[in-house]
C-alpha atoms as a PDB file:
ATOM      1  CA  MET A   1      35.099  -4.335 -20.224  1.00  0.00           C
ATOM      2  CA  SER A   2      32.074  -3.724 -19.644  1.00  0.00           C
ATOM      3  CA  ASP A   3      31.060  -1.066 -16.306  1.00  0.00           C
ATOM      4  CA  ASN A   4      28.854  -1.680 -13.695  1.00  0.00           C
ATOM      5  CA  LYS A   5      27.407   1.937 -14.844  1.00  0.00           C
ATOM      6  CA  ASP A   6      25.784   0.009 -18.282  1.00  0.00           C
ATOM      7  CA  LYS A   7      23.152  -1.968 -16.682  1.00  0.00           C
ATOM      8  CA  ALA A   8      20.525   0.695 -15.883  1.00  0.00           C
ATOM      9  CA  GLN A   9      19.407   0.884 -11.894  1.00  0.00           C
ATOM     10  CA  ARG A  10      15.641   0.109 -10.983  1.00  0.00           C
ATOM     11  CA  THR A  11      14.264   3.499  -9.264  1.00  0.00           C
ATOM     12  CA  ILE A  12      11.035   3.186  -7.396  1.00  0.00           C
ATOM     13  CA  GLU A  13       8.431   5.394  -5.749  1.00  0.00           C
ATOM     14  CA  GLY A  14       6.911   4.230  -2.226  1.00  0.00           C
ATOM     15  CA  ARG A  15       5.971   5.509   1.066  1.00  0.00           C
ATOM     16  CA  VAL A  16       7.516   4.897   3.685  1.00  0.00           C
ATOM     17  CA  VAL A  17       5.064   2.323   6.412  1.00  0.00           C
ATOM     18  CA  SER A  18       7.934   1.757   8.849  1.00  0.00           C
ATOM     19  CA  ASN A  19      10.846   3.516  10.331  1.00  0.00           C
ATOM     20  CA  LYS A  20      10.730   0.836  13.670  1.00  0.00           C
ATOM     21  CA  MET A  21      14.548  -0.532  12.356  1.00  0.00           C
ATOM     22  CA  ASP A  22      18.165   0.918  12.556  1.00  0.00           C
ATOM     23  CA  LYS A  23      19.149   2.224   9.343  1.00  0.00           C
ATOM     24  CA  THR A  24      16.249  -0.047   7.385  1.00  0.00           C
ATOM     25  CA  VAL A  25      12.873   1.349   6.347  1.00  0.00           C
ATOM     26  CA  THR A  26       9.456  -0.440   5.092  1.00  0.00           C
ATOM     27  CA  VAL A  27       8.865   0.797   1.441  1.00  0.00           C
ATOM     28  CA  LEU A  28       4.676   0.319   0.304  1.00  0.00           C
ATOM     29  CA  VAL A  29       5.701   0.438  -3.251  1.00  0.00           C
ATOM     30  CA  GLU A  30       1.654   0.558  -5.317  1.00  0.00           C
ATOM     31  CA  ARG A  31       1.160  -0.677  -8.605  1.00  0.00           C
ATOM     32  CA  GLN A  32      -2.147  -0.830 -11.231  1.00  0.00           C
ATOM     33  CA  VAL A  33      -2.387  -4.105 -12.866  1.00  0.00           C
ATOM     34  CA  LYS A  34      -5.070  -4.087 -15.483  1.00  0.00           C
ATOM     35  CA  HIS A  35      -7.236  -8.015 -14.617  1.00  0.00           C
ATOM     36  CA  ALA A  36      -6.074 -10.210 -17.293  1.00  0.00           C
ATOM     37  CA  LEU A  37     -10.171 -11.130 -17.936  1.00  0.00           C
ATOM     38  CA  TYR A  38     -12.374  -8.244 -16.735  1.00  0.00           C
ATOM     39  CA  GLY A  39     -10.157  -4.939 -17.852  1.00  0.00           C
ATOM     40  CA  LYS A  40     -10.465  -3.626 -14.283  1.00  0.00           C
ATOM     41  CA  TYR A  41      -7.312  -2.215 -12.841  1.00  0.00           C
ATOM     42  CA  ILE A  42      -6.844  -3.585 -10.040  1.00  0.00           C
ATOM     43  CA  ARG A  43      -3.908  -2.295  -7.381  1.00  0.00           C
ATOM     44  CA  ARG A  44      -1.202  -3.768  -6.191  1.00  0.00           C
ATOM     45  CA  SER A  45       1.550  -3.123  -3.531  1.00  0.00           C
ATOM     46  CA  THR A  46       4.490  -5.130  -2.039  1.00  0.00           C
ATOM     47  CA  LYS A  47       6.317  -4.078   0.607  1.00  0.00           C
ATOM     48  CA  LEU A  48      10.455  -3.081   0.850  1.00  0.00           C
ATOM     49  CA  HIS A  49      13.564  -3.028   3.155  1.00  0.00           C
ATOM     50  CA  ALA A  50      15.383  -0.121   2.135  1.00  0.00           C
ATOM     51  CA  HIS A  51      18.851   0.939   3.760  1.00  0.00           C
ATOM     52  CA  ASP A  52      18.542   4.706   5.142  1.00  0.00           C
ATOM     53  CA  ALA A  53      21.830   4.968   6.522  1.00  0.00           C
ATOM     54  CA  GLU A  54      21.515   8.629   8.757  1.00  0.00           C
ATOM     55  CA  ASN A  55      18.458   7.716  10.043  1.00  0.00           C
ATOM     56  CA  SER A  56      16.149  10.461   8.190  1.00  0.00           C
ATOM     57  CA  CYS A  57      12.935   8.557   7.046  1.00  0.00           C
ATOM     58  CA  LYS A  58       9.766   9.155   8.646  1.00  0.00           C
ATOM     59  CA  GLU A  59       6.606   6.957   8.083  1.00  0.00           C
ATOM     60  CA  GLY A  60       3.925   8.546   6.193  1.00  0.00           C
ATOM     61  CA  ASP A  61       7.421   9.838   4.024  1.00  0.00           C
ATOM     62  CA  VAL A  62       7.322   9.342   0.054  1.00  0.00           C
ATOM     63  CA  VAL A  63      10.973   8.652  -1.085  1.00  0.00           C
ATOM     64  CA  ARG A  64      12.941   7.490  -3.689  1.00  0.00           C
ATOM     65  CA  VAL A  65      14.559   4.003  -3.803  1.00  0.00           C
ATOM     66  CA  VAL A  66      17.472   2.036  -6.200  1.00  0.00           C
ATOM     67  CA  GLU A  67      18.102  -1.782  -5.971  1.00  0.00           C
ATOM     68  CA  ILE A  68      21.704  -2.631  -4.847  1.00  0.00           C
ATOM     69  CA  ALA A  69      23.708  -5.830  -4.203  1.00  0.00           C
ATOM     70  CA  PRO A  70      21.930  -7.415  -1.099  1.00  0.00           C
ATOM     71  CA  LEU A  71      22.909  -6.189   2.391  1.00  0.00           C
ATOM     72  CA  SER A  72      21.048  -9.014   4.539  1.00  0.00           C
ATOM     73  CA  LYS A  73      18.357 -11.722   3.830  1.00  0.00           C
ATOM     74  CA  THR A  74      15.784  -9.342   3.107  1.00  0.00           C
ATOM     75  CA  LYS A  75      17.560  -5.670   2.186  1.00  0.00           C
ATOM     76  CA  ASN A  76      18.561  -5.417  -1.644  1.00  0.00           C
ATOM     77  CA  TRP A  77      17.290  -1.806  -1.876  1.00  0.00           C
ATOM     78  CA  ARG A  78      18.246   1.482  -0.712  1.00  0.00           C
ATOM     79  CA  VAL A  79      16.836   5.320   0.032  1.00  0.00           C
ATOM     80  CA  VAL A  80      18.179   7.567  -2.333  1.00  0.00           C
ATOM     81  CA  GLU A  81      15.741  10.620  -1.485  1.00  0.00           C
ATOM     82  CA  ILE A  82      13.471  11.687   0.535  1.00  0.00           C
ATOM     83  CA  VAL A  83      10.674  13.081  -2.206  1.00  0.00           C
ATOM     84  CA  THR A  84       7.920  14.618   0.200  1.00  0.00           C
ATOM     85  CA  ARG A  85       7.813  14.434   3.390  1.00  0.00           C
ATOM     86  CA  ALA A  86       4.901  13.707   5.713  1.00  0.00           C
ATOM     87  CA  ALA A  87       2.448  16.276   7.179  1.00  0.00           C
ATOM     88  CA  GLU A  88       3.223  16.657  10.812  1.00  0.00           C
END
């Protein structure tokens, strides 16, 4: 038998861009990708919906999210910790 913990959980860091929903935050994840032909590094971004059970995240916070089973149509990430708080 294999445990659920066998598969490594995907964790990503990103910046909270919206906390207007209840128990949900929108996290902007930026990555750098090398252009196939020209070799220049380009910034690409993805917006994820993440579950924030305590509604503790504010806009501008840098958070760590982990992939989970889908909670809704668009939400399959959960906030694990707040890495840095936004400047007040």
